[in-house]
C-alpha atoms as a PDB file:
ATOM      1  CA  MET A   1     -14.643 152.543  93.526  1.00  0.00           C
ATOM      2  CA  ALA A   2     -15.350 156.012  94.334  1.00  0.00           C
ATOM      3  CA  GLU A   3     -17.820 156.090  97.253  1.00  0.00           C
ATOM      4  CA  GLY A   4     -16.744 158.504 100.414  1.00  0.00           C
ATOM      5  CA  PRO A   5     -13.153 160.429 100.811  1.00  0.00           C
ATOM      6  CA  PRO A   6     -10.221 158.341 101.247  1.00  0.00           C
ATOM      7  CA  THR A   7      -8.954 160.264 104.074  1.00  0.00           C
ATOM      8  CA  ARG A   8      -5.326 158.856 103.031  1.00  0.00           C
ATOM      9  CA  GLU A   9      -3.504 160.278 106.023  1.00  0.00           C
ATOM     10  CA  ARG A  10      -5.656 158.361 108.597  1.00  0.00           C
ATOM     11  CA  THR A  11      -3.664 155.010 109.968  1.00  0.00           C
ATOM     12  CA  ASN A  12      -3.047 153.300 113.329  1.00  0.00           C
ATOM     13  CA  VAL A  13       0.202 152.052 112.424  1.00  0.00           C
ATOM     14  CA  ASN A  14       3.287 154.221 113.190  1.00  0.00           C
ATOM     15  CA  HIS A  15       5.787 154.006 110.399  1.00  0.00           C
ATOM     16  CA  PRO A  16       9.132 155.879 108.750  1.00  0.00           C
ATOM     17  CA  PHE A  17       8.017 155.551 105.203  1.00  0.00           C
ATOM     18  CA  ASP A  18       6.532 157.789 102.574  1.00  0.00           C
ATOM     19  CA  VAL A  19       3.138 156.580 101.463  1.00  0.00           C
ATOM     20  CA  ARG A  20       1.613 158.220  98.083  1.00  0.00           C
ATOM     21  CA  PRO A  21      -0.718 156.955  95.534  1.00  0.00           C
ATOM     22  CA  ALA A  22       0.494 155.195  92.281  1.00  0.00           C
ATOM     23  CA  ALA A  23       0.423 157.103  89.131  1.00  0.00           C
ATOM     24  CA  ASP A  24       1.272 156.090  85.654  1.00  0.00           C
ATOM     25  CA  HIS A  25       4.868 157.353  85.553  1.00  0.00           C
ATOM     26  CA  ASP A  26       5.603 154.892  88.557  1.00  0.00           C
ATOM     27  CA  ALA A  27       5.039 151.810  86.151  1.00  0.00           C
ATOM     28  CA  ASN A  28       8.495 150.868  85.414  1.00  0.00           C
ATOM     29  CA  ARG A  29       9.618 150.964  89.039  1.00  0.00           C
ATOM     30  CA  LEU A  30       6.448 149.115  90.045  1.00  0.00           C
ATOM     31  CA  ALA A  31       6.900 146.421  87.724  1.00  0.00           C
ATOM     32  CA  GLU A  32      10.587 145.816  88.837  1.00  0.00           C
ATOM     33  CA  PHE A  33       9.223 145.792  92.360  1.00  0.00           C
ATOM     34  CA  LEU A  34       6.435 143.184  91.862  1.00  0.00           C
ATOM     35  CA  ASN A  35       9.042 141.097  89.457  1.00  0.00           C
ATOM     36  CA  ALA A  36      11.337 140.894  92.678  1.00  0.00           C
ATOM     37  CA  CYS A  37       8.564 139.614  94.654  1.00  0.00           C
ATOM     38  CA  THR A  38       7.196 137.204  92.338  1.00  0.00           C
ATOM     39  CA  LEU A  39      10.589 135.609  91.409  1.00  0.00           C
ATOM     40  CA  VAL A  40      11.078 135.056  95.374  1.00  0.00           C
ATOM     41  CA  HIS A  41       7.673 133.780  95.706  1.00  0.00           C
ATOM     42  CA  GLN A  42       6.854 132.188  92.540  1.00  0.00           C
ATOM     43  CA  GLY A  43       9.943 131.740  90.978  1.00  0.00           C
ATOM     44  CA  ILE A  44       8.908 133.899  87.716  1.00  0.00           C
ATOM     45  CA  ALA A  45       8.753 137.434  86.571  1.00  0.00           C
ATOM     46  CA  ARG A  46       5.690 138.196  84.892  1.00  0.00           C
ATOM     47  CA  SER A  47       5.117 141.973  84.919  1.00  0.00           C
ATOM     48  CA  SER A  48       5.721 144.471  82.612  1.00  0.00           C
ATOM     49  CA  PRO A  49       4.945 148.362  82.780  1.00  0.00           C
ATOM     50  CA  GLU A  50       1.828 148.021  81.007  1.00  0.00           C
ATOM     51  CA  ASP A  51       0.803 145.366  83.388  1.00  0.00           C
ATOM     52  CA  MET A  52       1.108 147.599  86.290  1.00  0.00           C
ATOM     53  CA  ARG A  53      -0.770 150.530  84.404  1.00  0.00           C
ATOM     54  CA  ALA A  54      -3.593 148.273  83.614  1.00  0.00           C
ATOM     55  CA  ARG A  55      -3.326 147.083  87.298  1.00  0.00           C
ATOM     56  CA  ILE A  56      -3.705 150.538  88.993  1.00  0.00           C
ATOM     57  CA  HIS A  57      -6.698 151.527  86.537  1.00  0.00           C
ATOM     58  CA  ARG A  58      -8.379 148.176  86.705  1.00  0.00           C
ATOM     59  CA  ASP A  59     -12.342 147.809  86.652  1.00  0.00           C
ATOM     60  CA  GLY A  60     -12.389 151.768  86.587  1.00  0.00           C
ATOM     61  CA  THR A  61     -10.606 152.504  89.691  1.00  0.00           C
ATOM     62  CA  ASP A  62      -8.789 155.752  90.669  1.00  0.00           C
ATOM     63  CA  PRO A  63      -5.469 155.496  91.119  1.00  0.00           C
ATOM     64  CA  ALA A  64      -5.364 158.689  93.481  1.00  0.00           C
ATOM     65  CA  LEU A  65      -7.699 157.032  95.690  1.00  0.00           C
ATOM     66  CA  ASP A  66      -7.413 153.570  95.192  1.00  0.00           C
ATOM     67  CA  SER A  67      -3.552 152.879  95.353  1.00  0.00           C
ATOM     68  CA  PHE A  68      -0.704 153.070  97.576  1.00  0.00           C
ATOM     69  CA  VAL A  69       2.971 152.951  97.087  1.00  0.00           C
ATOM     70  CA  VAL A  70       5.113 152.664 100.118  1.00  0.00           C
ATOM     71  CA  ARG A  71       8.967 153.977  99.871  1.00  0.00           C
ATOM     72  CA  ASP A  72      12.116 154.253 102.065  1.00  0.00           C
ATOM     73  CA  ASP A  73      14.401 156.596 100.584  1.00  0.00           C
ATOM     74  CA  GLN A  74      13.041 156.462  97.319  1.00  0.00           C
ATOM     75  CA  ARG A  75      13.132 152.754  97.078  1.00  0.00           C
ATOM     76  CA  ILE A  76       9.784 150.897  96.559  1.00  0.00           C
ATOM     77  CA  VAL A  77       9.013 148.794  99.657  1.00  0.00           C
ATOM     78  CA  GLY A  78       5.537 147.981  99.314  1.00  0.00           C
ATOM     79  CA  PHE A  79       2.616 148.410  96.962  1.00  0.00           C
ATOM     80  CA  ALA A  80      -1.444 147.879  97.171  1.00  0.00           C
ATOM     81  CA  HIS A  81      -4.508 148.621  95.428  1.00  0.00           C
ATOM     82  CA  ALA A  82      -8.182 148.063  96.032  1.00  0.00           C
ATOM     83  CA  TRP A  83     -11.206 147.691  93.873  1.00  0.00           C
ATOM     84  CA  ARG A  84     -14.524 146.566  93.646  1.00  0.00           C
ATOM     85  CA  ASP A  85     -15.036 143.100  92.398  1.00  0.00           C
ATOM     86  CA  ASP A  86     -19.184 142.889  92.475  1.00  0.00           C
ATOM     87  CA  PRO A  87     -21.621 144.953  94.641  1.00  0.00           C
ATOM     88  CA  ASP A  88     -20.810 143.162  97.877  1.00  0.00           C
ATOM     89  CA  GLU A  89     -17.109 142.648  97.704  1.00  0.00           C
ATOM     90  CA  VAL A  90     -13.973 144.930  97.614  1.00  0.00           C
ATOM     91  CA  LYS A  91     -10.560 143.323  96.659  1.00  0.00           C
ATOM     92  CA  PHE A  92      -7.146 144.596  97.489  1.00  0.00           C
ATOM     93  CA  PHE A  93      -3.846 143.100  96.538  1.00  0.00           C
ATOM     94  CA  ALA A  94      -0.889 144.053  98.924  1.00  0.00           C
ATOM     95  CA  ARG A  95       2.831 142.983  98.370  1.00  0.00           C
ATOM     96  CA  THR A  96       6.260 143.778 100.283  1.00  0.00           C
ATOM     97  CA  HIS A  97       9.561 143.655  99.017  1.00  0.00           C
ATOM     98  CA  PRO A  98      10.970 140.525 100.138  1.00  0.00           C
ATOM     99  CA  GLU A  99      14.081 142.176 101.661  1.00  0.00           C
ATOM    100  CA  GLU A 100      11.740 144.618 103.656  1.00  0.00           C
ATOM    101  CA  GLN A 101       9.642 141.832 105.450  1.00  0.00           C
ATOM    102  CA  GLY A 102       9.477 142.301 109.214  1.00  0.00           C
ATOM    103  CA  ARG A 103       9.228 146.354 109.394  1.00  0.00           C
ATOM    104  CA  GLY A 104       5.614 146.711 109.173  1.00  0.00           C
ATOM    105  CA  VAL A 105       4.941 147.215 105.460  1.00  0.00           C
ATOM    106  CA  GLY A 106       2.673 144.504 105.245  1.00  0.00           C
ATOM    107  CA  ALA A 107       0.348 145.708 108.265  1.00  0.00           C
ATOM    108  CA  LEU A 108       0.759 149.432 106.818  1.00  0.00           C
ATOM    109  CA  LEU A 109      -0.753 148.515 103.507  1.00  0.00           C
ATOM    110  CA  MET A 110      -3.535 146.368 104.931  1.00  0.00           C
ATOM    111  CA  GLU A 111      -4.426 149.539 107.139  1.00  0.00           C
ATOM    112  CA  LEU A 112      -4.621 151.663 104.115  1.00  0.00           C
ATOM    113  CA  CYS A 113      -6.622 148.971 101.893  1.00  0.00           C
ATOM    114  CA  GLU A 114      -9.062 148.430 104.966  1.00  0.00           C
ATOM    115  CA  HIS A 115      -9.402 152.042 105.516  1.00  0.00           C
ATOM    116  CA  ARG A 116     -10.293 152.876 101.695  1.00  0.00           C
ATOM    117  CA  ALA A 117     -12.601 149.772 101.505  1.00  0.00           C
ATOM    118  CA  ALA A 118     -14.470 151.456 104.607  1.00  0.00           C
ATOM    119  CA  HIS A 119     -15.556 154.045 102.199  1.00  0.00           C
ATOM    120  CA  VAL A 120     -17.203 152.086  99.589  1.00  0.00           C
ATOM    121  CA  PRO A 121     -20.281 149.815 100.770  1.00  0.00           C
ATOM    122  CA  ALA A 122     -19.674 146.081 100.823  1.00  0.00           C
ATOM    123  CA  THR A 123     -20.244 142.932 102.726  1.00  0.00           C
ATOM    124  CA  ARG A 124     -16.726 141.435 102.546  1.00  0.00           C
ATOM    125  CA  ILE A 125     -13.249 142.101 101.725  1.00  0.00           C
ATOM    126  CA  THR A 126     -10.935 139.666 100.029  1.00  0.00           C
ATOM    127  CA  THR A 127      -7.147 139.377  99.346  1.00  0.00           C
ATOM    128  CA  THR A 128      -4.717 136.873  98.291  1.00  0.00           C
ATOM    129  CA  THR A 129      -1.225 135.679  99.641  1.00  0.00           C
ATOM    130  CA  TRP A 130       1.183 133.402  97.958  1.00  0.00           C
ATOM    131  CA  ALA A 131       1.774 130.119  99.403  1.00  0.00           C
ATOM    132  CA  ALA A 132       5.925 130.678  99.649  1.00  0.00           C
ATOM    133  CA  ASP A 133       5.066 134.187 101.374  1.00  0.00           C
ATOM    134  CA  ALA A 134       4.932 132.897 105.347  1.00  0.00           C
ATOM    135  CA  ALA A 135       4.720 136.539 106.347  1.00  0.00           C
ATOM    136  CA  GLY A 136       0.926 137.085 105.334  1.00  0.00           C
ATOM    137  CA  PRO A 137      -1.191 134.414 106.629  1.00  0.00           C
ATOM    138  CA  PRO A 138      -0.380 135.554 110.420  1.00  0.00           C
ATOM    139  CA  LEU A 139      -1.076 139.003 109.701  1.00  0.00           C
ATOM    140  CA  LEU A 140      -4.261 138.477 108.122  1.00  0.00           C
ATOM    141  CA  VAL A 141      -5.295 136.107 110.853  1.00  0.00           C
ATOM    142  CA  GLY A 142      -4.427 138.651 113.274  1.00  0.00           C
ATOM    143  CA  ARG A 143      -6.804 141.063 111.593  1.00  0.00           C
ATOM    144  CA  GLY A 144      -9.820 138.649 111.287  1.00  0.00           C
ATOM    145  CA  TYR A 145      -9.382 137.073 107.964  1.00  0.00           C
ATOM    146  CA  ARG A 146     -10.250 133.508 107.276  1.00  0.00           C
ATOM    147  CA  PRO A 147      -8.958 131.440 104.426  1.00  0.00           C
ATOM    148  CA  VAL A 148     -11.795 130.594 101.906  1.00  0.00           C
ATOM    149  CA  ARG A 149      -9.898 128.951  98.881  1.00  0.00           C
ATOM    150  CA  TYR A 150      -6.513 127.293  97.879  1.00  0.00           C
ATOM    151  CA  PHE A 151      -4.856 127.155  94.342  1.00  0.00           C
ATOM    152  CA  MET A 152      -2.251 124.950  93.061  1.00  0.00           C
ATOM    153  CA  LYS A 153       0.425 125.654  90.413  1.00  0.00           C
ATOM    154  CA  MET A 154       0.479 123.002  87.979  1.00  0.00           C
ATOM    155  CA  GLU A 155       3.760 122.803  86.012  1.00  0.00           C
ATOM    156  CA  ILE A 156       5.132 120.543  83.234  1.00  0.00           C
ATOM    157  CA  GLY A 157       8.287 120.924  81.471  1.00  0.00           C
ATOM    158  CA  ALA A 158       8.508 120.698  77.415  1.00  0.00           C
ATOM    159  CA  ALA A 159      10.043 117.354  77.349  1.00  0.00           C
ATOM    160  CA  ASP A 160       7.289 115.961  79.096  1.00  0.00           C
ATOM    161  CA  VAL A 161       4.335 117.118  77.226  1.00  0.00           C
ATOM    162  CA  PRO A 162       2.416 113.949  75.902  1.00  0.00           C
ATOM    163  CA  ARG A 163       1.489 112.889  72.431  1.00  0.00           C
ATOM    164  CA  GLU A 164      -1.745 114.356  71.105  1.00  0.00           C
ATOM    165  CA  PRO A 165      -4.861 112.166  71.135  1.00  0.00           C
ATOM    166  CA  SER A 166      -7.344 111.652  68.619  1.00  0.00           C
ATOM    167  CA  TRP A 167      -9.945 114.298  68.450  1.00  0.00           C
ATOM    168  CA  PRO A 168     -13.485 113.560  68.991  1.00  0.00           C
ATOM    169  CA  PRO A 169     -15.737 112.691  65.804  1.00  0.00           C
ATOM    170  CA  GLU A 170     -17.004 115.748  63.794  1.00  0.00           C
ATOM    171  CA  VAL A 171     -15.099 118.092  66.097  1.00  0.00           C
ATOM    172  CA  ASN A 172     -12.540 120.879  64.299  1.00  0.00           C
ATOM    173  CA  ARG A 173      -9.697 122.428  65.782  1.00  0.00           C
ATOM    174  CA  SER A 174      -8.670 126.128  64.985  1.00  0.00           C
ATOM    175  CA  THR A 175      -7.496 129.294  66.749  1.00  0.00           C
ATOM    176  CA  LEU A 176      -9.250 132.632  67.203  1.00  0.00           C
ATOM    177  CA  ALA A 177      -6.289 134.036  64.625  1.00  0.00           C
ATOM    178  CA  ALA A 178      -7.588 131.671  62.037  1.00  0.00           C
ATOM    179  CA  TYR A 179     -11.355 131.647  62.527  1.00  0.00           C
ATOM    180  CA  PRO A 180     -12.050 134.990  64.229  1.00  0.00           C
ATOM    181  CA  ALA A 181     -15.761 134.740  63.678  1.00  0.00           C
ATOM    182  CA  ALA A 182     -15.386 132.418  66.765  1.00  0.00           C
ATOM    183  CA  ALA A 183     -15.249 135.126  69.282  1.00  0.00           C
ATOM    184  CA  THR A 184     -19.016 135.669  69.762  1.00  0.00           C
ATOM    185  CA  THR A 185     -19.606 131.930  70.561  1.00  0.00           C
ATOM    186  CA  LEU A 186     -16.434 131.535  72.259  1.00  0.00           C
ATOM    187  CA  TYR A 187     -17.533 134.200  74.858  1.00  0.00           C
ATOM    188  CA  GLN A 188     -20.845 132.153  75.152  1.00  0.00           C
ATOM    189  CA  ALA A 189     -18.903 128.875  75.619  1.00  0.00           C
ATOM    190  CA  TRP A 190     -16.668 130.523  78.366  1.00  0.00           C
ATOM    191  CA  SER A 191     -19.813 131.582  80.260  1.00  0.00           C
ATOM    192  CA  GLU A 192     -21.360 127.867  80.048  1.00  0.00           C
ATOM    193  CA  ALA A 193     -18.143 126.247  81.013  1.00  0.00           C
ATOM    194  CA  PHE A 194     -17.569 128.138  83.935  1.00  0.00           C
ATOM    195  CA  ALA A 195     -21.103 129.182  85.201  1.00  0.00           C
ATOM    196  CA  GLY A 196     -21.507 128.359  88.868  1.00  0.00           C
ATOM    197  CA  HIS A 197     -17.794 128.277  89.625  1.00  0.00           C
ATOM    198  CA  TRP A 198     -16.971 129.758  92.952  1.00  0.00           C
ATOM    199  CA  GLY A 199     -15.821 133.137  92.691  1.00  0.00           C
ATOM    200  CA  GLN A 200     -17.280 133.531  89.120  1.00  0.00           C
ATOM    201  CA  SER A 201     -19.104 136.546  88.695  1.00  0.00           C
ATOM    202  CA  ASP A 202     -21.406 137.672  85.886  1.00  0.00           C
ATOM    203  CA  GLU A 203     -19.009 138.879  83.123  1.00  0.00           C
ATOM    204  CA  SER A 204     -20.282 140.719  80.138  1.00  0.00           C
ATOM    205  CA  GLU A 205     -18.688 140.176  76.656  1.00  0.00           C
ATOM    206  CA  VAL A 206     -17.080 143.689  76.713  1.00  0.00           C
ATOM    207  CA  GLU A 207     -15.636 142.850  80.006  1.00  0.00           C
ATOM    208  CA  PHE A 208     -14.423 139.286  78.785  1.00  0.00           C
ATOM    209  CA  TRP A 209     -12.533 140.883  76.070  1.00  0.00           C
ATOM    210  CA  ASN A 210     -11.168 143.732  78.113  1.00  0.00           C
ATOM    211  CA  GLU A 211      -9.587 141.429  80.532  1.00  0.00           C
ATOM    212  CA  ARG A 212      -8.174 139.076  78.105  1.00  0.00           C
ATOM    213  CA  ARG A 213      -7.255 141.183  74.984  1.00  0.00           C
ATOM    214  CA  ASP A 214      -7.575 145.009  75.362  1.00  0.00           C
ATOM    215  CA  SER A 215      -5.634 145.366  78.659  1.00  0.00           C
ATOM    216  CA  LYS A 216      -2.952 142.952  77.870  1.00  0.00           C
ATOM    217  CA  ILE A 217      -1.352 145.152  75.141  1.00  0.00           C
ATOM    218  CA  GLY A 218       2.093 145.367  76.026  1.00  0.00           C
ATOM    219  CA  ALA A 219       1.580 142.818  78.932  1.00  0.00           C
ATOM    220  CA  ALA A 220       4.409 140.503  79.888  1.00  0.00           C
ATOM    221  CA  PHE A 221       2.309 137.597  78.567  1.00  0.00           C
ATOM    222  CA  PRO A 222       0.356 139.421  75.919  1.00  0.00           C
ATOM    223  CA  PHE A 223      -2.755 138.297  74.083  1.00  0.00           C
ATOM    224  CA  ASP A 224      -2.081 136.339  71.138  1.00  0.00           C
ATOM    225  CA  PRO A 225      -4.915 134.941  69.036  1.00  0.00           C
ATOM    226  CA  THR A 226      -2.697 132.234  67.396  1.00  0.00           C
ATOM    227  CA  LEU A 227      -2.627 130.698  71.005  1.00  0.00           C
ATOM    228  CA  TRP A 228      -6.291 130.555  71.575  1.00  0.00           C
ATOM    229  CA  LEU A 229      -7.464 127.262  70.669  1.00  0.00           C
ATOM    230  CA  VAL A 230     -11.057 126.349  69.820  1.00  0.00           C
ATOM    231  CA  ALA A 231     -12.917 123.084  69.429  1.00  0.00           C
ATOM    232  CA  LEU A 232     -15.780 123.781  66.909  1.00  0.00           C
ATOM    233  CA  ARG A 233     -18.701 122.037  65.409  1.00  0.00           C
ATOM    234  CA  ASP A 234     -20.806 123.760  62.852  1.00  0.00           C
ATOM    235  CA  GLY A 235     -18.994 127.074  63.471  1.00  0.00           C
ATOM    236  CA  ASN A 236     -20.095 126.836  67.597  1.00  0.00           C
ATOM    237  CA  VAL A 237     -17.217 126.781  70.031  1.00  0.00           C
ATOM    238  CA  LEU A 238     -17.533 123.492  72.258  1.00  0.00           C
ATOM    239  CA  GLY A 239     -14.387 124.132  73.947  1.00  0.00           C
ATOM    240  CA  PHE A 240     -11.299 126.131  74.291  1.00  0.00           C
ATOM    241  CA  CYS A 241      -7.770 126.481  75.704  1.00  0.00           C
ATOM    242  CA  LEU A 242      -6.604 130.046  75.988  1.00  0.00           C
ATOM    243  CA  CYS A 243      -2.827 130.138  76.148  1.00  0.00           C
ATOM    244  CA  GLU A 244      -0.030 132.886  76.420  1.00  0.00           C
ATOM    245  CA  ALA A 245       3.723 133.081  76.592  1.00  0.00           C
ATOM    246  CA  GLY A 246       6.292 135.385  77.929  1.00  0.00           C
ATOM    247  CA  THR A 247       9.819 135.712  78.964  1.00  0.00           C
ATOM    248  CA  SER A 248      10.796 135.467  82.458  1.00  0.00           C
ATOM    249  CA  GLU A 249      14.650 136.006  83.430  1.00  0.00           C
ATOM    250  CA  GLY A 250      15.476 135.190  79.778  1.00  0.00           C
ATOM    251  CA  THR A 251      13.546 131.908  79.453  1.00  0.00           C
ATOM    252  CA  LEU A 252      10.242 131.654  77.585  1.00  0.00           C
ATOM    253  CA  ILE A 253       7.361 130.427  79.659  1.00  0.00           C
ATOM    254  CA  GLY A 254       4.022 129.301  78.616  1.00  0.00           C
ATOM    255  CA  ARG A 255       0.959 129.734  80.649  1.00  0.00           C
ATOM    256  CA  VAL A 256      -2.551 128.293  80.108  1.00  0.00           C
ATOM    257  CA  SER A 257      -4.978 130.736  81.409  1.00  0.00           C
ATOM    258  CA  GLU A 258      -8.099 128.909  80.754  1.00  0.00           C
ATOM    259  CA  VAL A 259      -9.572 125.626  79.438  1.00  0.00           C
ATOM    260  CA  GLY A 260     -13.005 124.787  79.677  1.00  0.00           C
ATOM    261  CA  VAL A 261     -15.836 122.732  77.605  1.00  0.00           C
ATOM    262  CA  VAL A 262     -19.332 123.348  77.671  1.00  0.00           C
ATOM    263  CA  PRO A 263     -21.202 120.851  79.791  1.00  0.00           C
ATOM    264  CA  ALA A 264     -22.897 119.087  76.995  1.00  0.00           C
ATOM    265  CA  HIS A 265     -19.964 117.965  75.626  1.00  0.00           C
ATOM    266  CA  ARG A 266     -17.869 116.894  78.431  1.00  0.00           C
ATOM    267  CA  GLY A 267     -16.704 113.434  79.271  1.00  0.00           C
ATOM    268  CA  GLY A 268     -15.559 112.792  75.575  1.00  0.00           C
ATOM    269  CA  GLY A 269     -11.801 113.391  75.883  1.00  0.00           C
ATOM    270  CA  LEU A 270     -12.598 116.978  74.247  1.00  0.00           C
ATOM    271  CA  GLY A 271     -10.790 118.874  77.222  1.00  0.00           C
ATOM    272  CA  TYR A 272      -7.917 116.665  77.501  1.00  0.00           C
ATOM    273  CA  ALA A 273      -7.496 116.849  73.616  1.00  0.00           C
ATOM    274  CA  LEU A 274      -7.558 120.712  74.039  1.00  0.00           C
ATOM    275  CA  LEU A 275      -5.152 121.177  76.694  1.00  0.00           C
ATOM    276  CA  VAL A 276      -2.649 118.696  75.110  1.00  0.00           C
ATOM    277  CA  ALA A 277      -2.996 120.578  71.778  1.00  0.00           C
ATOM    278  CA  GLY A 278      -2.224 124.002  73.806  1.00  0.00           C
ATOM    279  CA  LEU A 279       1.027 122.421  75.303  1.00  0.00           C
ATOM    280  CA  HIS A 280       2.142 121.244  72.152  1.00  0.00           C
ATOM    281  CA  GLU A 281       1.369 124.869  70.509  1.00  0.00           C
ATOM    282  CA  LEU A 282       3.600 126.354  73.509  1.00  0.00           C
ATOM    283  CA  ARG A 283       6.224 123.933  73.269  1.00  0.00           C
ATOM    284  CA  SER A 284       6.336 124.665  69.449  1.00  0.00           C
ATOM    285  CA  ARG A 285       6.926 128.536  70.266  1.00  0.00           C
ATOM    286  CA  GLY A 286      10.284 127.784  72.240  1.00  0.00           C
ATOM    287  CA  ALA A 287       8.557 127.305  75.664  1.00  0.00           C
ATOM    288  CA  LYS A 288      10.598 125.571  78.115  1.00  0.00           C
ATOM    289  CA  THR A 289       8.063 125.155  80.894  1.00  0.00           C
ATOM    290  CA  ILE A 290       4.560 125.611  80.813  1.00  0.00           C
ATOM    291  CA  VAL A 291       2.352 126.448  83.937  1.00  0.00           C
ATOM    292  CA  LEU A 292      -1.360 126.946  84.851  1.00  0.00           C
ATOM    293  CA  ASP A 293      -3.098 127.874  88.302  1.00  0.00           C
ATOM    294  CA  VAL A 294      -6.234 125.580  89.332  1.00  0.00           C
ATOM    295  CA  ASP A 295      -8.706 125.966  92.503  1.00  0.00           C
ATOM    296  CA  THR A 296      -8.230 122.697  94.330  1.00  0.00           C
ATOM    297  CA  GLU A 297     -11.810 122.724  94.986  1.00  0.00           C
ATOM    298  CA  ASN A 298     -12.608 122.786  91.275  1.00  0.00           C
ATOM    299  CA  GLU A 299     -15.841 121.021  90.520  1.00  0.00           C
ATOM    300  CA  THR A 300     -15.026 120.121  86.932  1.00  0.00           C
ATOM    301  CA  SER A 301     -12.409 117.692  87.861  1.00  0.00           C
ATOM    302  CA  ALA A 302      -9.812 119.991  86.430  1.00  0.00           C
ATOM    303  CA  LEU A 303      -6.990 118.887  88.836  1.00  0.00           C
ATOM    304  CA  ARG A 304      -7.385 115.384  87.576  1.00  0.00           C
ATOM    305  CA  LEU A 305      -7.187 116.635  84.005  1.00  0.00           C
ATOM    306  CA  TYR A 306      -3.759 118.463  84.432  1.00  0.00           C
ATOM    307  CA  GLU A 307      -2.355 115.583  86.508  1.00  0.00           C
ATOM    308  CA  LYS A 308      -3.396 112.963  83.614  1.00  0.00           C
ATOM    309  CA  VAL A 309      -1.430 115.115  80.961  1.00  0.00           C
ATOM    310  CA  GLY A 310       1.676 114.559  83.586  1.00  0.00           C
ATOM    311  CA  MET A 311       1.553 118.252  85.299  1.00  0.00           C
ATOM    312  CA  SER A 312       2.936 118.427  88.691  1.00  0.00           C
ATOM    313  CA  ALA A 313       1.211 120.444  91.434  1.00  0.00           C
ATOM    314  CA  LYS A 314       2.492 122.775  94.116  1.00  0.00           C
ATOM    315  CA  PRO A 315       0.991 125.289  96.172  1.00  0.00           C
ATOM    316  CA  ALA A 316       0.248 128.727  94.416  1.00  0.00           C
ATOM    317  CA  PHE A 317      -1.549 130.974  96.364  1.00  0.00           C
ATOM    318  CA  THR A 318      -4.640 131.339  98.979  1.00  0.00           C
ATOM    319  CA  ILE A 319      -7.883 133.712  98.922  1.00  0.00           C
ATOM    320  CA  TRP A 320      -8.498 134.920 102.350  1.00  0.00           C
ATOM    321  CA  GLU A 321     -12.114 136.649 103.395  1.00  0.00           C
ATOM    322  CA  LYS A 322     -13.012 138.930 106.135  1.00  0.00           C
ATOM    323  CA  SER A 323     -16.628 140.183 106.855  1.00  0.00           C
ATOM    324  CA  THR A 324     -17.720 143.567 107.103  1.00  0.00           C
ATOM    325  CA  GLU A 325     -20.999 143.247 108.589  1.00  0.00           C
END
């Protein structure tokens, strides 16, 4: 996202804060800042310094141009960064410290991100708010954004995980660690399973592995091939349940990152079997709680699948959009 000068100093918001770009040496303090935000609004701390380094460099962005750290007397009170997601869309992520809301930090971050986005040709800008953060929606509505998608957080306690069902005939279960040759057909299966989903852009195999493996080194919820479950027939991946685990406030949390079945093999219980297998694997690692996020308008009946295994739902976050045309 490098087209046009950033002209950082130009903003219509009067403020008493120090604003500068994020840098790699900020990673520890940014992780502390974002964990303070997610603990209040999501009940989980899930960012490591490596997560923050990956965040400010995501998709080839330049932190010197595309990120903003807002400080008050050396304390980080706000953080934002922007990036191009596809040729027509610029995304930004902006968060205010929960103890600093009401001071204009959010308005300042939004102004900075929109000003940066104005130098990059795009037809729309998108961002997110957490469901528990009541301060974000009025600010976004006031600047012309509209909600376009709602996501739920699904959760289940380790003691409530159901028994594993029988697997469909002639389908073998493995992990990516045990069968690394599945990597190529896994990407193909993932592409088929999520083809046509809302917000799904064409993602190359290189981009797929960079986001889920390469950029997760040192992450709070790192890539672990022993937690990537695949359903196989004749060496081809028919479905998958990609899981990860990390510690939040001293408690091991399991997370189902993605679960999917190729269209030709849906309806036979494979998705249910994969999901329950993933829950069992996370529980065996010591996870006390297992979570995942789901689009409420998911067209593959994912929400019903998660409810079937006993997961409970509560609002997680909203995606907002604003046209620049």
